């Protein structure tokens, strides 16, 4: 993943459609990279679309808030296990993440904490094969 040119090549080899609306998902990936490598991946995802009217979205789930008591313990535990969170001090907060994506070319960014998801989402349907969340204010 740190090799953003290889990332683009692999996507194209797998049939990536640069003309279609695209949603990129990243769950606890970029935080383990040095900031410049994660930034390059985000920017490359933004630039992959060849259709100016196509919607390109990037949904990410990353650890943040390393300066809280929970955050300090999380960072320490992962560091001791040889899994340092290399970007956590560059992008400490949700606001830092929003600014990151805007800086890298995403014109609109929204971010919420996992606590907000727990408080503001309602399970509409939940079984072993299908789950659907509905956001409410």
N, C-alpha and C. Protein backbone atom coordinates (compact mmCIF):
# COMPACT_ATOMS: atom_id res chain seq x y z
N UNK A 1 0.81 -1.20 0.00
CA UNK A 1 0.00 0.00 0.00
C UNK A 1 0.86 1.26 0.00
N UNK A 2 2.06 1.20 0.54
CA UNK A 2 2.89 2.41 0.59
C UNK A 2 3.34 2.83 -0.80
N UNK A 3 3.31 1.93 -1.73
CA UNK A 3 3.73 2.24 -3.10
C UNK A 3 2.51 2.69 -3.89
N UNK A 4 2.24 4.00 -3.89
CA UNK A 4 1.00 4.49 -4.49
C UNK A 4 0.92 4.21 -5.99
N UNK A 5 2.05 4.17 -6.69
CA UNK A 5 2.02 3.84 -8.11
C UNK A 5 1.59 2.38 -8.32
N UNK A 6 2.10 1.49 -7.48
CA UNK A 6 1.70 0.08 -7.55
C UNK A 6 0.22 -0.07 -7.21
N UNK A 7 -0.25 0.72 -6.26
CA UNK A 7 -1.65 0.70 -5.87
C UNK A 7 -2.54 0.99 -7.09
N UNK A 8 -2.19 2.02 -7.82
CA UNK A 8 -2.95 2.40 -9.02
C UNK A 8 -2.88 1.28 -10.06
N UNK A 9 -1.71 0.71 -10.25
CA UNK A 9 -1.54 -0.37 -11.23
C UNK A 9 -2.41 -1.58 -10.87
N UNK A 10 -2.39 -1.97 -9.61
CA UNK A 10 -3.19 -3.12 -9.16
C UNK A 10 -4.67 -2.85 -9.37
N UNK A 11 -5.13 -1.65 -9.02
CA UNK A 11 -6.55 -1.32 -9.24
C UNK A 11 -6.92 -1.47 -10.71
N UNK A 12 -6.08 -0.93 -11.58
CA UNK A 12 -6.37 -1.01 -13.01
C UNK A 12 -6.33 -2.45 -13.51
N UNK A 13 -5.40 -3.25 -13.02
CA UNK A 13 -5.32 -4.66 -13.41
C UNK A 13 -6.56 -5.44 -12.97
N UNK A 14 -7.18 -4.98 -11.88
CA UNK A 14 -8.37 -5.66 -11.36
C UNK A 14 -9.66 -5.12 -11.95
N UNK A 15 -9.54 -4.24 -12.94
CA UNK A 15 -10.71 -3.76 -13.65
C UNK A 15 -11.35 -2.50 -13.08
N UNK A 16 -10.59 -1.70 -12.35
CA UNK A 16 -11.12 -0.46 -11.81
C UNK A 16 -11.69 0.39 -12.93
N UNK A 17 -12.91 0.89 -12.74
CA UNK A 17 -13.58 1.73 -13.73
C UNK A 17 -13.44 3.19 -13.32
N UNK A 18 -12.56 3.91 -13.98
CA UNK A 18 -12.26 5.29 -13.65
C UNK A 18 -13.37 6.25 -14.06
N UNK A 19 -14.40 5.74 -14.74
CA UNK A 19 -15.52 6.58 -15.16
C UNK A 19 -16.72 6.47 -14.21
N UNK A 20 -16.67 5.52 -13.29
CA UNK A 20 -17.82 5.24 -12.42
C UNK A 20 -17.71 5.97 -11.09
N UNK A 21 -18.86 6.13 -10.43
CA UNK A 21 -18.86 6.59 -9.05
C UNK A 21 -18.09 5.56 -8.23
N UNK A 22 -17.30 6.01 -7.27
CA UNK A 22 -16.42 5.09 -6.55
C UNK A 22 -16.41 5.40 -5.06
N UNK A 23 -16.48 4.34 -4.27
CA UNK A 23 -16.34 4.44 -2.82
C UNK A 23 -15.11 3.63 -2.41
N UNK A 24 -14.12 4.30 -1.84
CA UNK A 24 -12.95 3.63 -1.30
C UNK A 24 -13.18 3.43 0.20
N UNK A 25 -12.90 2.24 0.69
CA UNK A 25 -13.05 1.93 2.12
C UNK A 25 -11.69 1.62 2.71
N UNK A 26 -11.44 2.18 3.87
CA UNK A 26 -10.18 1.93 4.56
C UNK A 26 -10.47 1.77 6.04
N UNK A 27 -10.21 0.60 6.56
CA UNK A 27 -10.45 0.35 7.98
C UNK A 27 -9.13 0.07 8.67
N UNK A 28 -8.69 1.02 9.48
CA UNK A 28 -7.46 0.87 10.26
C UNK A 28 -6.29 0.45 9.39
N UNK A 29 -6.08 1.18 8.30
CA UNK A 29 -4.97 0.91 7.39
C UNK A 29 -4.00 2.09 7.38
N UNK A 30 -4.52 3.26 7.08
CA UNK A 30 -3.67 4.44 6.88
C UNK A 30 -2.95 4.85 8.15
N UNK A 31 -3.55 4.61 9.29
CA UNK A 31 -2.98 5.00 10.58
C UNK A 31 -1.65 4.28 10.86
N UNK A 32 -1.48 3.09 10.25
CA UNK A 32 -0.25 2.31 10.45
C UNK A 32 0.86 2.73 9.49
N UNK A 33 0.56 3.65 8.57
CA UNK A 33 1.55 4.14 7.61
C UNK A 33 2.10 5.48 8.08
N UNK A 34 3.31 5.79 7.65
CA UNK A 34 3.82 7.13 7.86
C UNK A 34 2.90 8.08 7.08
N UNK A 35 2.66 9.28 7.61
CA UNK A 35 1.67 10.18 7.01
C UNK A 35 1.82 10.40 5.51
N UNK A 36 3.04 10.55 5.03
CA UNK A 36 3.22 10.84 3.60
C UNK A 36 2.72 9.70 2.72
N UNK A 37 2.83 8.45 3.19
CA UNK A 37 2.35 7.32 2.39
C UNK A 37 0.83 7.23 2.40
N UNK A 38 0.23 7.44 3.55
CA UNK A 38 -1.23 7.45 3.61
C UNK A 38 -1.80 8.60 2.80
N UNK A 39 -1.17 9.77 2.89
CA UNK A 39 -1.61 10.92 2.11
C UNK A 39 -1.54 10.62 0.61
N UNK A 40 -0.48 9.96 0.19
CA UNK A 40 -0.33 9.63 -1.24
C UNK A 40 -1.44 8.69 -1.71
N UNK A 41 -1.82 7.73 -0.87
CA UNK A 41 -2.90 6.82 -1.23
C UNK A 41 -4.22 7.59 -1.35
N UNK A 42 -4.52 8.43 -0.37
CA UNK A 42 -5.76 9.22 -0.40
C UNK A 42 -5.79 10.09 -1.65
N UNK A 43 -4.70 10.77 -1.91
CA UNK A 43 -4.65 11.66 -3.08
C UNK A 43 -4.79 10.87 -4.37
N UNK A 44 -4.15 9.72 -4.43
CA UNK A 44 -4.25 8.90 -5.63
C UNK A 44 -5.70 8.42 -5.84
N UNK A 45 -6.37 8.05 -4.76
CA UNK A 45 -7.77 7.65 -4.87
C UNK A 45 -8.61 8.80 -5.41
N UNK A 46 -8.34 9.98 -4.95
CA UNK A 46 -9.09 11.16 -5.41
C UNK A 46 -8.83 11.42 -6.88
N UNK A 47 -7.63 11.20 -7.33
CA UNK A 47 -7.24 11.54 -8.70
C UNK A 47 -7.53 10.43 -9.71
N UNK A 48 -7.94 9.26 -9.24
CA UNK A 48 -8.17 8.14 -10.16
C UNK A 48 -9.38 8.34 -11.07
N UNK A 49 -10.33 9.11 -10.64
CA UNK A 49 -11.53 9.31 -11.45
C UNK A 49 -11.21 10.13 -12.69
N UNK A 50 -11.63 9.60 -13.84
CA UNK A 50 -11.43 10.31 -15.10
C UNK A 50 -12.70 11.04 -15.53
N UNK A 51 -13.77 10.84 -14.76
CA UNK A 51 -15.05 11.44 -15.07
C UNK A 51 -15.29 12.60 -14.11
N UNK A 52 -15.30 13.84 -14.61
CA UNK A 52 -15.46 14.98 -13.71
C UNK A 52 -16.82 15.02 -13.01
N UNK A 53 -17.80 14.29 -13.51
CA UNK A 53 -19.11 14.27 -12.86
C UNK A 53 -19.29 13.06 -11.95
N UNK A 54 -18.31 12.17 -11.92
CA UNK A 54 -18.41 10.98 -11.06
C UNK A 54 -18.17 11.36 -9.60
N UNK A 55 -18.82 10.66 -8.74
CA UNK A 55 -18.67 10.87 -7.30
C UNK A 55 -17.57 9.94 -6.79
N UNK A 56 -16.57 10.52 -6.14
CA UNK A 56 -15.50 9.74 -5.53
C UNK A 56 -15.58 9.97 -4.03
N UNK A 57 -15.77 8.89 -3.28
CA UNK A 57 -15.89 8.98 -1.83
C UNK A 57 -14.83 8.11 -1.17
N UNK A 58 -14.43 8.52 0.00
CA UNK A 58 -13.43 7.77 0.76
C UNK A 58 -13.97 7.64 2.19
N UNK A 59 -14.31 6.45 2.58
CA UNK A 59 -14.78 6.19 3.94
C UNK A 59 -13.65 5.52 4.70
N UNK A 60 -13.33 6.07 5.85
CA UNK A 60 -12.22 5.52 6.63
C UNK A 60 -12.61 5.40 8.09
N UNK A 61 -12.03 4.42 8.71
CA UNK A 61 -12.20 4.21 10.14
C UNK A 61 -10.80 4.12 10.72
N UNK A 62 -10.42 5.10 11.52
CA UNK A 62 -9.06 5.16 12.06
C UNK A 62 -9.10 5.51 13.55
N UNK A 63 -8.08 5.10 14.25
CA UNK A 63 -7.93 5.49 15.64
C UNK A 63 -7.56 6.98 15.70
N UNK A 64 -8.00 7.64 16.77
CA UNK A 64 -7.62 9.04 16.96
C UNK A 64 -7.61 9.35 18.45
N UNK A 65 -7.33 10.60 18.76
CA UNK A 65 -7.28 11.09 20.14
C UNK A 65 -6.23 10.37 21.00
N UNK A 66 -4.96 10.43 20.57
CA UNK A 66 -3.91 9.75 21.33
C UNK A 66 -3.56 10.40 22.65
N UNK A 67 -4.10 11.59 22.90
CA UNK A 67 -3.74 12.30 24.11
C UNK A 67 -4.73 12.08 25.26
N UNK A 68 -5.76 11.28 25.03
CA UNK A 68 -6.66 10.93 26.13
C UNK A 68 -6.06 9.75 26.89
N UNK A 69 -6.59 9.43 28.06
CA UNK A 69 -6.04 8.30 28.81
C UNK A 69 -6.22 7.00 28.01
N UNK A 70 -7.38 6.82 27.37
CA UNK A 70 -7.58 5.64 26.54
C UNK A 70 -6.61 5.64 25.36
N UNK A 71 -6.46 6.81 24.73
CA UNK A 71 -5.58 6.92 23.57
C UNK A 71 -4.12 6.63 23.91
N UNK A 72 -3.66 7.14 25.03
CA UNK A 72 -2.27 6.87 25.44
C UNK A 72 -2.05 5.37 25.66
N UNK A 73 -3.02 4.71 26.29
CA UNK A 73 -2.89 3.26 26.53
C UNK A 73 -2.93 2.50 25.22
N UNK A 74 -3.82 2.88 24.31
CA UNK A 74 -3.92 2.24 23.00
C UNK A 74 -2.60 2.36 22.25
N UNK A 75 -2.06 3.57 22.18
CA UNK A 75 -0.80 3.79 21.46
C UNK A 75 0.32 2.97 22.09
N UNK A 76 0.39 2.97 23.41
CA UNK A 76 1.43 2.23 24.13
C UNK A 76 1.30 0.72 23.88
N UNK A 77 0.09 0.19 23.99
CA UNK A 77 -0.12 -1.25 23.80
C UNK A 77 0.24 -1.68 22.37
N UNK A 78 -0.19 -0.91 21.39
CA UNK A 78 0.12 -1.27 20.00
C UNK A 78 1.61 -1.13 19.71
N UNK A 79 2.24 -0.11 20.27
CA UNK A 79 3.68 0.07 20.10
C UNK A 79 4.44 -1.12 20.69
N UNK A 80 4.03 -1.55 21.88
CA UNK A 80 4.69 -2.69 22.53
C UNK A 80 4.52 -3.98 21.73
N UNK A 81 3.49 -4.08 20.96
CA UNK A 81 3.24 -5.27 20.14
C UNK A 81 3.88 -5.16 18.76
N UNK A 82 4.62 -4.09 18.54
CA UNK A 82 5.30 -3.90 17.26
C UNK A 82 4.39 -3.38 16.16
N UNK A 83 3.28 -2.75 16.54
CA UNK A 83 2.32 -2.21 15.57
C UNK A 83 2.12 -0.71 15.82
N UNK A 84 3.13 0.09 15.61
CA UNK A 84 2.99 1.52 15.91
C UNK A 84 1.98 2.20 15.00
N UNK A 85 1.24 3.14 15.57
CA UNK A 85 0.28 3.95 14.81
C UNK A 85 1.06 5.15 14.28
N UNK A 86 1.63 4.98 13.09
CA UNK A 86 2.60 5.95 12.57
C UNK A 86 2.01 7.30 12.22
N UNK A 87 0.71 7.38 11.99
CA UNK A 87 0.10 8.67 11.59
C UNK A 87 -0.69 9.33 12.71
N UNK A 88 -0.79 8.68 13.85
CA UNK A 88 -1.71 9.17 14.87
C UNK A 88 -1.32 10.54 15.44
N UNK A 89 -0.07 10.86 15.46
CA UNK A 89 0.33 12.16 16.01
C UNK A 89 0.25 13.26 14.96
N UNK A 90 0.23 12.91 13.71
CA UNK A 90 0.02 13.89 12.63
C UNK A 90 -1.46 14.21 12.48
N UNK A 91 -2.30 13.20 12.65
CA UNK A 91 -3.75 13.35 12.50
C UNK A 91 -4.43 12.88 13.79
N UNK A 92 -4.33 13.69 14.82
CA UNK A 92 -4.77 13.31 16.16
C UNK A 92 -6.28 13.31 16.34
N UNK A 93 -6.96 14.23 15.68
CA UNK A 93 -8.38 14.43 15.96
C UNK A 93 -9.23 14.24 14.71
N UNK A 94 -10.52 14.20 14.93
CA UNK A 94 -11.44 14.13 13.79
C UNK A 94 -11.27 15.36 12.91
N UNK A 95 -11.09 16.50 13.51
CA UNK A 95 -10.88 17.74 12.74
C UNK A 95 -9.60 17.64 11.90
N UNK A 96 -8.55 17.05 12.46
CA UNK A 96 -7.32 16.84 11.69
C UNK A 96 -7.58 15.96 10.47
N UNK A 97 -8.41 14.94 10.64
CA UNK A 97 -8.74 14.05 9.52
C UNK A 97 -9.52 14.80 8.45
N UNK A 98 -10.49 15.62 8.86
CA UNK A 98 -11.25 16.41 7.90
C UNK A 98 -10.31 17.31 7.10
N UNK A 99 -9.42 18.00 7.78
CA UNK A 99 -8.46 18.87 7.11
C UNK A 99 -7.54 18.09 6.18
N UNK A 100 -7.19 16.88 6.57
CA UNK A 100 -6.33 16.03 5.74
C UNK A 100 -6.99 15.76 4.40
N UNK A 101 -8.24 15.33 4.43
CA UNK A 101 -8.93 14.99 3.18
C UNK A 101 -9.19 16.22 2.33
N UNK A 102 -9.49 17.34 2.94
CA UNK A 102 -9.67 18.57 2.17
C UNK A 102 -8.37 18.98 1.51
N UNK A 103 -7.28 18.90 2.25
CA UNK A 103 -5.96 19.25 1.72
C UNK A 103 -5.60 18.36 0.53
N UNK A 104 -6.09 17.13 0.54
CA UNK A 104 -5.74 16.17 -0.51
C UNK A 104 -6.77 16.11 -1.64
N UNK A 105 -7.66 17.09 -1.68
CA UNK A 105 -8.51 17.24 -2.86
C UNK A 105 -9.97 16.86 -2.71
N UNK A 106 -10.39 16.41 -1.55
CA UNK A 106 -11.80 16.10 -1.35
C UNK A 106 -12.51 17.40 -0.96
N UNK A 107 -13.47 17.81 -1.77
CA UNK A 107 -14.10 19.12 -1.57
C UNK A 107 -15.06 19.13 -0.38
N UNK A 108 -15.63 18.00 -0.06
CA UNK A 108 -16.55 17.93 1.06
C UNK A 108 -16.16 16.77 1.97
N UNK A 109 -16.06 17.04 3.25
CA UNK A 109 -15.66 16.02 4.20
C UNK A 109 -16.57 16.07 5.42
N UNK A 110 -16.97 14.92 5.86
CA UNK A 110 -17.75 14.80 7.09
C UNK A 110 -17.12 13.70 7.91
N UNK A 111 -17.13 13.88 9.21
CA UNK A 111 -16.54 12.87 10.08
C UNK A 111 -17.35 12.79 11.36
N UNK A 112 -17.44 11.58 11.88
CA UNK A 112 -18.13 11.36 13.15
C UNK A 112 -17.34 10.36 13.97
N UNK A 113 -17.55 10.40 15.24
CA UNK A 113 -16.87 9.45 16.12
C UNK A 113 -17.69 8.17 16.22
N UNK A 114 -17.07 7.12 16.67
CA UNK A 114 -17.77 5.85 16.87
C UNK A 114 -18.87 6.02 17.91
N UNK A 115 -18.66 6.91 18.87
CA UNK A 115 -19.70 7.17 19.86
C UNK A 115 -20.94 7.79 19.22
N UNK A 116 -20.73 8.69 18.25
CA UNK A 116 -21.87 9.27 17.54
C UNK A 116 -22.62 8.21 16.75
N UNK A 117 -21.88 7.29 16.18
CA UNK A 117 -22.54 6.21 15.43
C UNK A 117 -23.41 5.39 16.37
N UNK A 118 -22.88 5.08 17.54
CA UNK A 118 -23.65 4.30 18.50
C UNK A 118 -24.90 5.04 18.95
N UNK A 119 -24.81 6.37 19.09
CA UNK A 119 -25.92 7.16 19.61
C UNK A 119 -26.94 7.55 18.54
N UNK A 120 -26.49 7.71 17.29
CA UNK A 120 -27.36 8.28 16.27
C UNK A 120 -27.78 7.31 15.17
N UNK A 121 -27.35 6.09 15.25
CA UNK A 121 -27.74 5.11 14.24
C UNK A 121 -28.67 4.09 14.86
N UNK A 122 -29.61 3.66 14.07
CA UNK A 122 -30.60 2.69 14.52
C UNK A 122 -30.52 1.48 13.60
N UNK A 123 -30.48 0.30 14.19
CA UNK A 123 -30.50 -0.93 13.38
C UNK A 123 -31.91 -1.10 12.84
N UNK A 124 -32.06 -1.09 11.54
CA UNK A 124 -33.36 -1.29 10.91
C UNK A 124 -33.59 -2.77 10.70
N UNK A 125 -32.56 -3.46 10.26
CA UNK A 125 -32.66 -4.88 10.01
C UNK A 125 -31.31 -5.48 10.38
N UNK A 126 -31.35 -6.54 11.15
CA UNK A 126 -30.08 -7.12 11.56
C UNK A 126 -30.26 -8.63 11.64
N UNK A 127 -29.61 -9.34 10.77
CA UNK A 127 -29.57 -10.79 10.86
C UNK A 127 -28.20 -11.26 10.38
N UNK A 128 -28.00 -12.54 10.26
CA UNK A 128 -26.67 -13.06 9.95
C UNK A 128 -26.19 -12.67 8.56
N UNK A 129 -27.10 -12.37 7.62
CA UNK A 129 -26.69 -12.10 6.25
C UNK A 129 -26.81 -10.64 5.84
N UNK A 130 -27.53 -9.83 6.61
CA UNK A 130 -27.81 -8.48 6.17
C UNK A 130 -27.94 -7.56 7.37
N UNK A 131 -27.33 -6.42 7.30
CA UNK A 131 -27.49 -5.41 8.35
C UNK A 131 -27.63 -4.05 7.68
N UNK A 132 -28.50 -3.22 8.22
CA UNK A 132 -28.71 -1.89 7.66
C UNK A 132 -28.82 -0.89 8.79
N UNK A 133 -28.04 0.15 8.71
CA UNK A 133 -28.07 1.23 9.68
C UNK A 133 -28.77 2.44 9.08
N UNK A 134 -29.53 3.12 9.88
CA UNK A 134 -30.17 4.36 9.45
C UNK A 134 -29.72 5.45 10.40
N UNK A 135 -29.24 6.55 9.85
CA UNK A 135 -28.77 7.69 10.62
C UNK A 135 -29.97 8.55 11.00
N UNK A 136 -30.03 9.01 12.21
CA UNK A 136 -31.10 9.92 12.60
C UNK A 136 -30.51 11.06 13.41
N UNK A 137 -31.16 12.20 13.36
CA UNK A 137 -30.71 13.37 14.12
C UNK A 137 -31.57 13.54 15.34
